[in-house]
Amino acid sequence: MSKVRCERFTVRLSPYEKAFIVRKMRESGYNNLGDYFMHCVSSNRTTVVDTMPIWEIKTELNKIGTNINQIAKKANTNGFLSDTDIRELKEDMREVKDTVNMGLNPYLKGGDVGGLCEDSTHQAEHTP
């Protein structure tokens, strides 16, 4: 890998995102964003996440939301809900909870969702 850096890589960030990255860079002992990014990318801390289950959850939640909206429209039109409507509404809400719990738990267990290259074991060798 060449040490001469002649290629430019441009990224647009919000002021908050920029401050966050600069803070993480400094906490890791780096003074140069290029070195910090190269460390983050090459440190085997990158996680590839299959987002398909999240899209499946989104689709399922949209269907459940449609059912809930139909029941709400019926309640507004009639001025009341039947026992059957209430049971269906409770079941829909239970499905929402179960779907979210089942689908999102693998992504939330033990991980730092907001973390960005937290490995600081190589601080000294990269600090100028």
N, C-alpha and C. Protein backbone atom coordinates (compact mmCIF):
# COMPACT_ATOMS: atom_id res chain seq x y z
N MET A 1 0.85 -1.18 0.00
CA MET A 1 0.00 0.00 0.00
C MET A 1 0.89 1.24 0.00
N SER A 2 0.60 2.14 -0.89
CA SER A 2 1.39 3.35 -1.04
C SER A 2 1.17 4.32 0.11
N LYS A 3 2.24 4.98 0.55
CA LYS A 3 2.14 5.97 1.63
C LYS A 3 1.80 7.35 1.09
N VAL A 4 2.00 7.58 -0.22
CA VAL A 4 1.70 8.87 -0.80
C VAL A 4 0.19 8.96 -1.01
N ARG A 5 -0.39 9.96 -0.41
CA ARG A 5 -1.85 10.14 -0.51
C ARG A 5 -2.16 11.26 -1.49
N CYS A 6 -2.58 10.86 -2.68
CA CYS A 6 -2.88 11.86 -3.70
C CYS A 6 -4.35 11.85 -4.11
N GLU A 7 -5.11 10.92 -3.57
CA GLU A 7 -6.53 10.82 -3.90
C GLU A 7 -7.35 11.53 -2.84
N ARG A 8 -8.41 12.23 -3.27
CA ARG A 8 -9.29 12.95 -2.35
C ARG A 8 -10.58 12.16 -2.19
N PHE A 9 -11.09 12.14 -0.98
CA PHE A 9 -12.35 11.47 -0.65
C PHE A 9 -13.18 12.49 0.13
N THR A 10 -14.29 12.93 -0.44
CA THR A 10 -15.09 13.99 0.17
C THR A 10 -16.37 13.40 0.77
N VAL A 11 -16.68 13.84 1.98
CA VAL A 11 -17.88 13.39 2.69
C VAL A 11 -18.56 14.62 3.27
N ARG A 12 -19.88 14.70 3.13
CA ARG A 12 -20.64 15.80 3.73
C ARG A 12 -21.19 15.32 5.07
N LEU A 13 -21.00 16.15 6.10
CA LEU A 13 -21.43 15.82 7.45
C LEU A 13 -22.19 16.99 8.05
N SER A 14 -23.02 16.69 9.01
CA SER A 14 -23.63 17.75 9.79
C SER A 14 -22.57 18.26 10.77
N PRO A 15 -22.74 19.46 11.32
CA PRO A 15 -21.78 19.94 12.32
C PRO A 15 -21.64 18.96 13.49
N TYR A 16 -22.76 18.36 13.91
CA TYR A 16 -22.73 17.39 15.01
C TYR A 16 -21.88 16.18 14.62
N GLU A 17 -22.09 15.63 13.42
CA GLU A 17 -21.33 14.45 12.98
C GLU A 17 -19.84 14.75 12.91
N LYS A 18 -19.51 15.93 12.38
CA LYS A 18 -18.10 16.31 12.28
C LYS A 18 -17.47 16.40 13.67
N ALA A 19 -18.14 17.06 14.59
CA ALA A 19 -17.63 17.20 15.96
C ALA A 19 -17.47 15.82 16.60
N PHE A 20 -18.42 14.93 16.36
CA PHE A 20 -18.38 13.58 16.91
C PHE A 20 -17.14 12.84 16.40
N ILE A 21 -16.90 12.91 15.10
CA ILE A 21 -15.76 12.20 14.51
C ILE A 21 -14.45 12.79 15.00
N VAL A 22 -14.36 14.10 15.05
CA VAL A 22 -13.13 14.74 15.53
C VAL A 22 -12.87 14.37 16.99
N ARG A 23 -13.93 14.35 17.80
CA ARG A 23 -13.77 13.95 19.21
C ARG A 23 -13.28 12.51 19.31
N LYS A 24 -13.88 11.60 18.54
CA LYS A 24 -13.45 10.20 18.57
C LYS A 24 -12.01 10.06 18.10
N MET A 25 -11.64 10.84 17.08
CA MET A 25 -10.28 10.80 16.57
C MET A 25 -9.30 11.20 17.67
N ARG A 26 -9.59 12.29 18.36
CA ARG A 26 -8.70 12.78 19.42
C ARG A 26 -8.66 11.80 20.60
N GLU A 27 -9.82 11.23 20.96
CA GLU A 27 -9.86 10.25 22.06
C GLU A 27 -9.02 9.02 21.73
N SER A 28 -8.90 8.71 20.44
CA SER A 28 -8.13 7.55 20.01
C SER A 28 -6.65 7.87 19.87
N GLY A 29 -6.28 9.14 20.07
CA GLY A 29 -4.88 9.50 20.00
C GLY A 29 -4.39 9.92 18.64
N TYR A 30 -5.28 10.13 17.71
CA TYR A 30 -4.90 10.54 16.36
C TYR A 30 -5.04 12.06 16.22
N ASN A 31 -4.17 12.63 15.39
CA ASN A 31 -4.25 14.06 15.09
C ASN A 31 -4.58 14.29 13.63
N ASN A 32 -4.70 13.22 12.86
CA ASN A 32 -4.89 13.30 11.42
C ASN A 32 -6.09 12.44 11.04
N LEU A 33 -7.09 13.06 10.40
CA LEU A 33 -8.30 12.32 10.03
C LEU A 33 -8.00 11.17 9.07
N GLY A 34 -7.08 11.38 8.14
CA GLY A 34 -6.73 10.32 7.19
C GLY A 34 -6.21 9.09 7.89
N ASP A 35 -5.29 9.30 8.85
CA ASP A 35 -4.75 8.17 9.61
C ASP A 35 -5.83 7.50 10.45
N TYR A 36 -6.68 8.31 11.06
CA TYR A 36 -7.76 7.78 11.89
C TYR A 36 -8.73 6.94 11.05
N PHE A 37 -9.14 7.47 9.89
CA PHE A 37 -10.07 6.71 9.04
C PHE A 37 -9.43 5.43 8.54
N MET A 38 -8.16 5.48 8.16
CA MET A 38 -7.51 4.26 7.70
C MET A 38 -7.44 3.22 8.82
N HIS A 39 -7.18 3.69 10.05
CA HIS A 39 -7.18 2.76 11.18
C HIS A 39 -8.56 2.15 11.38
N CYS A 40 -9.59 2.98 11.34
CA CYS A 40 -10.96 2.48 11.55
C CYS A 40 -11.34 1.45 10.49
N VAL A 41 -11.01 1.73 9.26
CA VAL A 41 -11.39 0.83 8.17
C VAL A 41 -10.59 -0.46 8.20
N SER A 42 -9.33 -0.38 8.61
CA SER A 42 -8.47 -1.57 8.55
C SER A 42 -8.36 -2.33 9.87
N SER A 43 -9.04 -1.88 10.90
CA SER A 43 -8.86 -2.51 12.22
C SER A 43 -9.77 -3.71 12.45
N ASN A 44 -10.46 -4.18 11.42
CA ASN A 44 -11.37 -5.32 11.55
C ASN A 44 -12.51 -5.05 12.52
N ARG A 45 -12.82 -3.79 12.77
CA ARG A 45 -13.92 -3.43 13.65
C ARG A 45 -15.17 -3.11 12.83
N THR A 46 -15.06 -3.17 11.52
CA THR A 46 -16.19 -2.89 10.65
C THR A 46 -17.16 -4.06 10.68
N THR A 47 -18.44 -3.78 10.86
CA THR A 47 -19.45 -4.81 10.92
C THR A 47 -20.41 -4.62 9.75
N VAL A 48 -20.61 -5.67 8.99
CA VAL A 48 -21.59 -5.64 7.92
C VAL A 48 -22.89 -6.18 8.49
N VAL A 49 -23.95 -5.41 8.33
CA VAL A 49 -25.24 -5.77 8.90
C VAL A 49 -26.22 -6.06 7.77
N ASP A 50 -26.86 -7.21 7.84
CA ASP A 50 -27.92 -7.54 6.90
C ASP A 50 -29.17 -6.78 7.31
N THR A 51 -29.58 -5.81 6.50
CA THR A 51 -30.73 -4.98 6.85
C THR A 51 -32.06 -5.56 6.36
N MET A 52 -32.03 -6.70 5.68
CA MET A 52 -33.26 -7.29 5.18
C MET A 52 -34.28 -7.55 6.28
N PRO A 53 -33.88 -8.08 7.45
CA PRO A 53 -34.88 -8.28 8.51
C PRO A 53 -35.55 -6.97 8.94
N ILE A 54 -34.81 -5.88 8.91
CA ILE A 54 -35.40 -4.59 9.28
C ILE A 54 -36.46 -4.19 8.26
N TRP A 55 -36.18 -4.40 6.96
CA TRP A 55 -37.17 -4.08 5.93
C TRP A 55 -38.40 -4.99 6.05
N GLU A 56 -38.18 -6.24 6.43
CA GLU A 56 -39.31 -7.15 6.65
C GLU A 56 -40.16 -6.68 7.83
N ILE A 57 -39.51 -6.21 8.87
CA ILE A 57 -40.24 -5.68 10.03
C ILE A 57 -41.04 -4.45 9.60
N LYS A 58 -40.43 -3.59 8.82
CA LYS A 58 -41.11 -2.38 8.35
C LYS A 58 -42.37 -2.75 7.57
N THR A 59 -42.26 -3.71 6.69
CA THR A 59 -43.42 -4.15 5.90
C THR A 59 -44.51 -4.70 6.80
N GLU A 60 -44.12 -5.53 7.76
CA GLU A 60 -45.10 -6.12 8.68
C GLU A 60 -45.77 -5.04 9.53
N LEU A 61 -44.98 -4.08 10.02
CA LEU A 61 -45.55 -3.00 10.82
C LEU A 61 -46.49 -2.13 10.00
N ASN A 62 -46.19 -1.93 8.73
CA ASN A 62 -47.11 -1.17 7.86
C ASN A 62 -48.46 -1.87 7.73
N LYS A 63 -48.44 -3.20 7.59
CA LYS A 63 -49.69 -3.96 7.49
C LYS A 63 -50.50 -3.85 8.79
N ILE A 64 -49.79 -3.99 9.91
CA ILE A 64 -50.46 -3.89 11.21
C ILE A 64 -51.02 -2.48 11.40
N GLY A 65 -50.26 -1.47 11.00
CA GLY A 65 -50.73 -0.09 11.10
C GLY A 65 -51.98 0.15 10.28
N THR A 66 -52.06 -0.47 9.11
CA THR A 66 -53.26 -0.35 8.28
C THR A 66 -54.47 -0.95 9.00
N ASN A 67 -54.28 -2.11 9.63
CA ASN A 67 -55.37 -2.73 10.39
C ASN A 67 -55.83 -1.82 11.53
N ILE A 68 -54.89 -1.25 12.24
CA ILE A 68 -55.23 -0.36 13.36
C ILE A 68 -55.98 0.87 12.85
N ASN A 69 -55.54 1.43 11.73
CA ASN A 69 -56.23 2.59 11.14
C ASN A 69 -57.66 2.26 10.74
N GLN A 70 -57.87 1.06 10.19
CA GLN A 70 -59.23 0.65 9.81
C GLN A 70 -60.13 0.56 11.04
N ILE A 71 -59.60 0.02 12.13
CA ILE A 71 -60.38 -0.08 13.36
C ILE A 71 -60.68 1.31 13.91
N ALA A 72 -59.69 2.21 13.86
CA ALA A 72 -59.90 3.58 14.35
C ALA A 72 -60.95 4.30 13.52
N LYS A 73 -60.92 4.08 12.19
CA LYS A 73 -61.92 4.72 11.32
C LYS A 73 -63.32 4.21 11.67
N LYS A 74 -63.42 2.90 11.91
CA LYS A 74 -64.70 2.31 12.27
C LYS A 74 -65.20 2.89 13.59
N ALA A 75 -64.27 3.06 14.56
CA ALA A 75 -64.66 3.63 15.86
C ALA A 75 -65.14 5.06 15.69
N ASN A 76 -64.48 5.83 14.85
CA ASN A 76 -64.89 7.22 14.62
C ASN A 76 -66.23 7.31 13.91
N THR A 77 -66.47 6.37 12.99
CA THR A 77 -67.73 6.37 12.24
C THR A 77 -68.89 5.93 13.12
N ASN A 78 -68.70 4.85 13.86
CA ASN A 78 -69.77 4.28 14.68
C ASN A 78 -69.87 4.92 16.06
N GLY A 79 -68.80 5.51 16.52
CA GLY A 79 -68.79 6.08 17.85
C GLY A 79 -68.46 5.07 18.93
N PHE A 80 -68.18 3.83 18.56
CA PHE A 80 -67.84 2.80 19.54
C PHE A 80 -67.08 1.68 18.84
N LEU A 81 -66.47 0.80 19.63
CA LEU A 81 -65.81 -0.40 19.13
C LEU A 81 -66.49 -1.62 19.72
N SER A 82 -66.67 -2.62 18.90
CA SER A 82 -67.25 -3.87 19.39
C SER A 82 -66.18 -4.65 20.15
N ASP A 83 -66.60 -5.68 20.87
CA ASP A 83 -65.65 -6.53 21.58
C ASP A 83 -64.67 -7.17 20.59
N THR A 84 -65.16 -7.53 19.42
CA THR A 84 -64.30 -8.12 18.38
C THR A 84 -63.24 -7.12 17.93
N ASP A 85 -63.66 -5.85 17.71
CA ASP A 85 -62.71 -4.81 17.31
C ASP A 85 -61.63 -4.62 18.37
N ILE A 86 -62.02 -4.63 19.63
CA ILE A 86 -61.07 -4.44 20.72
C ILE A 86 -60.09 -5.60 20.78
N ARG A 87 -60.60 -6.83 20.61
CA ARG A 87 -59.72 -8.01 20.59
C ARG A 87 -58.73 -7.91 19.42
N GLU A 88 -59.22 -7.50 18.24
CA GLU A 88 -58.34 -7.37 17.07
C GLU A 88 -57.28 -6.30 17.32
N LEU A 89 -57.69 -5.20 17.93
CA LEU A 89 -56.76 -4.12 18.22
C LEU A 89 -55.68 -4.59 19.21
N LYS A 90 -56.09 -5.30 20.25
CA LYS A 90 -55.13 -5.82 21.21
C LYS A 90 -54.17 -6.81 20.54
N GLU A 91 -54.70 -7.64 19.67
CA GLU A 91 -53.85 -8.61 18.96
C GLU A 91 -52.86 -7.88 18.05
N ASP A 92 -53.33 -6.85 17.35
CA ASP A 92 -52.44 -6.08 16.49
C ASP A 92 -51.32 -5.43 17.30
N MET A 93 -51.66 -4.89 18.45
CA MET A 93 -50.65 -4.26 19.29
C MET A 93 -49.66 -5.30 19.82
N ARG A 94 -50.13 -6.48 20.14
CA ARG A 94 -49.26 -7.57 20.59
C ARG A 94 -48.32 -7.97 19.44
N GLU A 95 -48.85 -8.01 18.22
CA GLU A 95 -48.01 -8.34 17.06
C GLU A 95 -46.93 -7.28 16.84
N VAL A 96 -47.29 -6.01 17.04
CA VAL A 96 -46.29 -4.94 16.90
C VAL A 96 -45.16 -5.18 17.89
N LYS A 97 -45.51 -5.40 19.13
CA LYS A 97 -44.49 -5.62 20.17
C LYS A 97 -43.63 -6.83 19.85
N ASP A 98 -44.28 -7.95 19.50
CA ASP A 98 -43.53 -9.17 19.20
C ASP A 98 -42.63 -9.00 17.98
N THR A 99 -43.15 -8.35 16.96
CA THR A 99 -42.38 -8.15 15.73
C THR A 99 -41.14 -7.30 16.00
N VAL A 100 -41.33 -6.22 16.72
CA VAL A 100 -40.20 -5.35 17.03
C VAL A 100 -39.19 -6.07 17.90
N ASN A 101 -39.66 -6.74 18.95
CA ASN A 101 -38.75 -7.46 19.84
C ASN A 101 -37.97 -8.54 19.11
N MET A 102 -38.66 -9.33 18.31
CA MET A 102 -38.03 -10.43 17.62
C MET A 102 -37.05 -9.92 16.56
N GLY A 103 -37.42 -8.87 15.87
CA GLY A 103 -36.60 -8.40 14.76
C GLY A 103 -35.43 -7.53 15.15
N LEU A 104 -35.57 -6.74 16.18
CA LEU A 104 -34.51 -5.78 16.52
C LEU A 104 -33.56 -6.27 17.60
N ASN A 105 -33.96 -7.22 18.42
CA ASN A 105 -33.10 -7.68 19.51
C ASN A 105 -31.71 -8.12 19.04
N PRO A 106 -31.58 -8.85 17.92
CA PRO A 106 -30.22 -9.24 17.50
C PRO A 106 -29.31 -8.05 17.23
N TYR A 107 -29.88 -6.91 16.85
CA TYR A 107 -29.07 -5.75 16.54
C TYR A 107 -28.73 -4.92 17.77
N LEU A 108 -29.44 -5.11 18.85
CA LEU A 108 -29.25 -4.27 20.02
C LEU A 108 -28.50 -4.97 21.15
N LYS A 109 -28.34 -6.27 21.10
CA LYS A 109 -27.70 -7.01 22.19
C LYS A 109 -26.21 -6.72 22.24
N GLY A 110 -25.77 -6.14 23.34
CA GLY A 110 -24.35 -5.98 23.62
C GLY A 110 -23.57 -5.08 22.69
N GLY A 111 -24.20 -4.50 21.71
CA GLY A 111 -23.45 -3.67 20.78
C GLY A 111 -23.57 -2.20 21.09
N ASP A 112 -22.56 -1.45 20.71
CA ASP A 112 -22.61 0.00 20.84
C ASP A 112 -23.10 0.54 19.52
N VAL A 113 -24.40 0.74 19.41
CA VAL A 113 -25.00 1.15 18.16
C VAL A 113 -24.42 2.46 17.66
N GLY A 114 -24.13 3.38 18.57
CA GLY A 114 -23.62 4.68 18.17
C GLY A 114 -22.11 4.77 18.12
N GLY A 115 -21.42 3.68 18.37
CA GLY A 115 -19.96 3.71 18.43
C GLY A 115 -19.34 3.89 17.06
N LEU A 116 -18.16 4.47 17.04
CA LEU A 116 -17.43 4.65 15.79
C LEU A 116 -15.97 4.38 16.05
N CYS A 117 -15.51 3.21 15.63
CA CYS A 117 -14.10 2.84 15.73
C CYS A 117 -13.55 3.12 17.12
N GLU A 118 -14.06 2.41 18.11
CA GLU A 118 -13.72 2.65 19.50
C GLU A 118 -12.37 2.04 19.89
N ASP A 119 -11.75 1.26 19.00
CA ASP A 119 -10.50 0.59 19.34
C ASP A 119 -9.37 1.61 19.48
N SER A 120 -8.79 1.70 20.67
CA SER A 120 -7.72 2.67 20.89
C SER A 120 -6.42 1.96 21.28
N THR A 121 -6.28 0.70 20.89
CA THR A 121 -5.11 -0.07 21.31
C THR A 121 -3.85 0.34 20.57
N HIS A 122 -3.98 1.04 19.43
CA HIS A 122 -2.80 1.43 18.64
C HIS A 122 -2.55 2.93 18.72
N GLN A 123 -2.97 3.56 19.77
CA GLN A 123 -2.85 5.02 19.89
C GLN A 123 -1.40 5.49 19.75
N ALA A 124 -0.51 4.94 20.51
CA ALA A 124 0.84 5.47 20.60
C ALA A 124 1.57 5.41 19.26
N GLU A 125 1.40 4.33 18.51
CA GLU A 125 2.17 4.18 17.28
C GLU A 125 1.67 5.11 16.17
N HIS A 126 0.47 5.68 16.30
CA HIS A 126 -0.06 6.56 15.27
C HIS A 126 -0.04 8.03 15.65
N THR A 127 0.27 8.33 16.88
CA THR A 127 0.28 9.72 17.33
C THR A 127 1.59 10.36 16.94
N PRO A 128 1.55 11.44 16.16
CA PRO A 128 2.80 12.09 15.75
C PRO A 128 3.53 12.71 16.91
